[in-house]
Amino acid sequence: MSRKPESKQSESKTTEEDFINPGLQKWEQIREEWVKVVPSKATKRKGEVKARPVDVDDVIERIYSQTGNGTLRDPLPLGQMIDLLIDFWEADGLYD
């Protein structure tokens, strides 16, 4: 009476089905909360965010100095912040 060896494929399917990755489950849970759309915030983002007047020297001081602590008084739109930093880097010869 000969017995056929079980295929490796069927063994791996059983192992994969039994395996539970708690790290992946936690990551998926955190990601789901992070990408969840909050209705009150979603309505605010429908319009285009416009640049607002800022004191460029104050922003640069707060970002780069040790006393500025890297925090701004008020949030800036990302596009405006990028433009501001590029202008600063170009003035210092750091961006071509």
Protein backbone atom coordinates (compact mmCIF):
# COMPACT_ATOMS: atom_id res chain seq x y z
CA MET A 1 0.00 0.00 0.00
CA SER A 2 1.72 3.16 -1.17
CA ARG A 3 0.84 6.50 0.21
CA LYS A 4 1.12 9.57 -1.95
CA PRO A 5 3.05 12.39 -0.36
CA GLU A 6 1.00 15.51 0.15
CA SER A 7 1.88 18.31 -2.18
CA LYS A 8 3.72 21.32 -0.82
CA GLN A 9 1.06 23.56 -2.31
CA SER A 10 -1.70 22.13 -0.11
CA GLU A 11 0.52 22.43 2.96
CA SER A 12 1.24 26.09 2.28
CA LYS A 13 -2.45 26.89 1.77
CA THR A 14 -3.31 25.37 5.13
CA THR A 15 -0.49 27.27 6.80
CA GLU A 16 -1.44 30.57 5.18
CA GLU A 17 -5.09 30.17 6.13
CA ASP A 18 -4.23 29.41 9.76
CA PHE A 19 -1.73 32.24 10.11
CA ILE A 20 -3.01 35.49 11.58
CA ASN A 21 -0.76 38.51 11.41
CA PRO A 22 -1.70 40.79 14.32
CA GLY A 23 0.73 43.48 13.15
CA LEU A 24 -0.96 43.64 9.76
CA GLN A 25 -4.39 43.73 11.37
CA LYS A 26 -3.34 46.63 13.63
CA TRP A 27 -1.80 48.50 10.67
CA GLU A 28 -4.99 48.04 8.61
CA GLN A 29 -7.08 49.31 11.53
CA ILE A 30 -4.92 52.41 12.02
CA ARG A 31 -4.84 53.06 8.26
CA GLU A 32 -8.63 52.77 8.06
CA GLU A 33 -9.00 55.42 10.79
CA TRP A 34 -6.41 57.64 9.10
CA VAL A 35 -8.01 57.59 5.64
CA LYS A 36 -11.56 57.86 6.95
CA VAL A 37 -13.27 60.98 5.63
CA VAL A 38 -14.69 63.19 8.33
CA PRO A 39 -17.77 64.98 6.94
CA SER A 40 -17.03 68.35 8.56
CA LYS A 41 -13.49 68.42 7.18
CA ALA A 42 -14.51 67.13 3.75
CA THR A 43 -16.84 70.05 3.18
CA LYS A 44 -14.10 72.54 3.98
CA ARG A 45 -11.77 71.06 1.36
CA LYS A 46 -14.13 71.31 -1.59
CA GLY A 47 -13.00 74.81 -2.50
CA GLU A 48 -9.52 75.74 -3.53
CA VAL A 49 -7.28 76.77 -0.66
CA LYS A 50 -5.99 80.28 -1.26
CA ALA A 51 -2.67 81.65 -0.15
CA ARG A 52 -2.84 84.12 2.67
CA PRO A 53 -0.45 86.89 3.63
CA VAL A 54 2.27 85.72 6.00
CA ASP A 55 5.40 87.18 7.50
CA VAL A 56 8.02 85.17 5.59
CA ASP A 57 10.79 86.06 8.05
CA ASP A 58 8.65 84.86 10.96
CA VAL A 59 7.87 81.56 9.22
CA ILE A 60 11.54 80.91 8.37
CA GLU A 61 12.59 81.86 11.91
CA ARG A 62 10.07 79.48 13.45
CA ILE A 63 11.05 76.60 11.17
CA TYR A 64 14.82 76.87 11.26
CA SER A 65 15.76 78.43 14.59
CA GLN A 66 16.04 76.55 17.83
CA THR A 67 13.88 79.13 19.57
CA GLY A 68 11.15 78.81 16.92
CA ASN A 69 10.48 75.20 17.95
CA GLY A 70 9.43 74.32 14.38
CA THR A 71 5.80 75.29 14.92
CA LEU A 72 3.87 77.99 13.13
CA ARG A 73 1.30 80.30 14.68
CA ASP A 74 -1.30 79.32 12.09
CA PRO A 75 -1.33 76.49 9.55
CA LEU A 76 -0.27 77.34 5.99
CA PRO A 77 -1.57 75.68 2.84
CA LEU A 78 1.00 73.14 1.65
CA GLY A 79 1.45 74.80 -1.74
CA GLN A 80 2.18 78.14 -0.12
CA MET A 81 4.66 76.55 2.27
CA ILE A 82 6.47 74.82 -0.60
CA ASP A 83 6.70 78.09 -2.56
CA LEU A 84 8.01 79.89 0.50
CA LEU A 85 10.71 77.27 1.15
CA ILE A 86 11.81 77.16 -2.49
CA ASP A 87 12.18 80.94 -2.52
CA PHE A 88 14.21 80.75 0.69
CA TRP A 89 16.45 77.97 -0.65
CA GLU A 90 16.98 79.81 -3.96
CA ALA A 91 18.04 82.96 -2.07
CA ASP A 92 20.61 80.87 -0.18
CA GLY A 93 21.80 79.13 -3.36
CA LEU A 94 20.54 75.74 -2.16
CA TYR A 95 17.96 75.17 -4.89
CA ASP A 96 18.59 75.40 -8.61
